[in-house]
Protein backbone atom coordinates (compact mmCIF):
# COMPACT_ATOMS: atom_id res chain seq x y z
CA UNK A 1 0.12 0.25 -0.01
CA UNK A 2 1.16 3.02 -1.06
CA UNK A 3 0.63 5.80 2.41
CA UNK A 4 1.12 8.70 0.53
CA UNK A 5 -0.39 12.22 1.86
CA UNK A 6 -3.60 11.43 -0.04
CA UNK A 7 -3.98 7.86 1.39
CA UNK A 8 -2.85 9.24 4.69
CA UNK A 9 -5.68 11.79 4.63
CA UNK A 10 -8.20 9.10 3.80
CA UNK A 11 -7.52 6.72 6.68
CA UNK A 12 -7.52 9.70 9.17
CA UNK A 13 -10.90 10.65 8.09
CA UNK A 14 -12.33 7.15 7.71
CA UNK A 15 -11.12 6.74 11.35
CA UNK A 16 -12.30 9.88 12.63
CA UNK A 17 -15.75 9.23 11.25
CA UNK A 18 -16.01 5.52 12.59
CA UNK A 19 -14.91 5.63 16.26
CA UNK A 20 -16.87 8.33 17.01
CA UNK A 21 -20.30 6.64 15.67
CA UNK A 22 -18.61 3.01 17.63
CA UNK A 23 -18.55 5.41 20.82
CA UNK A 24 -22.31 6.19 20.53
CA UNK A 25 -22.91 2.60 19.50
CA UNK A 26 -21.61 1.78 23.23
CA UNK A 27 -19.45 -0.46 20.85
CA UNK A 28 -15.97 1.08 22.23
CA UNK A 29 -15.24 3.27 25.51
CA UNK A 30 -13.91 6.93 25.16
CA UNK A 31 -10.55 5.63 26.55
CA UNK A 32 -10.67 2.92 23.98
CA UNK A 33 -11.38 5.54 21.06
CA UNK A 34 -8.35 7.90 22.18
CA UNK A 35 -6.46 4.76 22.00
CA UNK A 36 -7.59 3.71 18.56
CA UNK A 37 -6.49 7.16 17.27
CA UNK A 38 -3.45 7.74 18.90
CA UNK A 39 -2.47 4.28 17.54
CA UNK A 40 -3.36 4.60 13.78
CA UNK A 41 -1.24 8.27 14.27
CA UNK A 42 1.69 6.04 15.06
CA UNK A 43 1.13 3.17 12.34
CA UNK A 44 1.07 6.01 9.65
CA UNK A 45 3.48 8.22 10.75
CA UNK A 46 5.84 4.78 11.16
CA UNK A 47 4.62 3.76 7.33
CA UNK A 48 5.75 7.28 6.40
CA UNK A 49 9.05 7.07 8.05
CA UNK A 50 9.41 3.94 6.04
CA UNK A 51 8.06 5.36 3.09
CA UNK A 52 10.74 8.43 2.96
CA UNK A 53 13.91 6.31 3.85
CA UNK A 54 13.23 3.83 1.02
CA UNK A 55 13.25 7.04 -1.57
CA UNK A 56 16.09 8.87 0.15
CA UNK A 57 19.09 8.08 -1.93
CA UNK A 58 22.11 6.99 -0.85
CA UNK A 59 24.97 9.57 0.33
CA UNK A 60 27.58 6.52 -0.09
CA UNK A 61 27.53 7.22 -3.39
CA UNK A 62 30.74 8.99 -4.92
CA UNK A 63 30.14 11.39 -7.42
CA UNK A 64 33.19 11.99 -9.95
CA UNK A 65 35.17 15.30 -9.50
CA UNK A 66 34.75 17.53 -12.86
CA UNK A 67 35.84 20.18 -11.64
CA UNK A 68 39.61 20.05 -13.06
CA UNK A 69 39.22 19.49 -16.30
CA UNK A 70 42.56 18.33 -18.56
CA UNK A 71 42.99 19.23 -22.10
CA UNK A 72 44.02 16.62 -24.17
CA UNK A 73 47.49 16.65 -26.20
CA UNK A 74 46.51 17.06 -29.47
CA UNK A 75 49.10 15.98 -32.07
CA UNK A 76 50.80 19.36 -33.97
CA UNK A 77 49.64 20.91 -30.78
CA UNK A 78 53.78 21.77 -29.30
């Protein structure tokens, strides 16, 4: 699953809409709803961190330095 910003917003919206209904219906308590919301936020933060880590360029790759350009010795230019 791709946890981009749009997906995370959709999950937050779904949970924020469903959890209060579960409290009103008496299926979960207010304390349980807070724990659910906190857990979902923590999971999505972790998923976003893992996604970012997978997409960050590795700094250990060396890039060739082209600041000093050597002019080639051409025949007849002595």
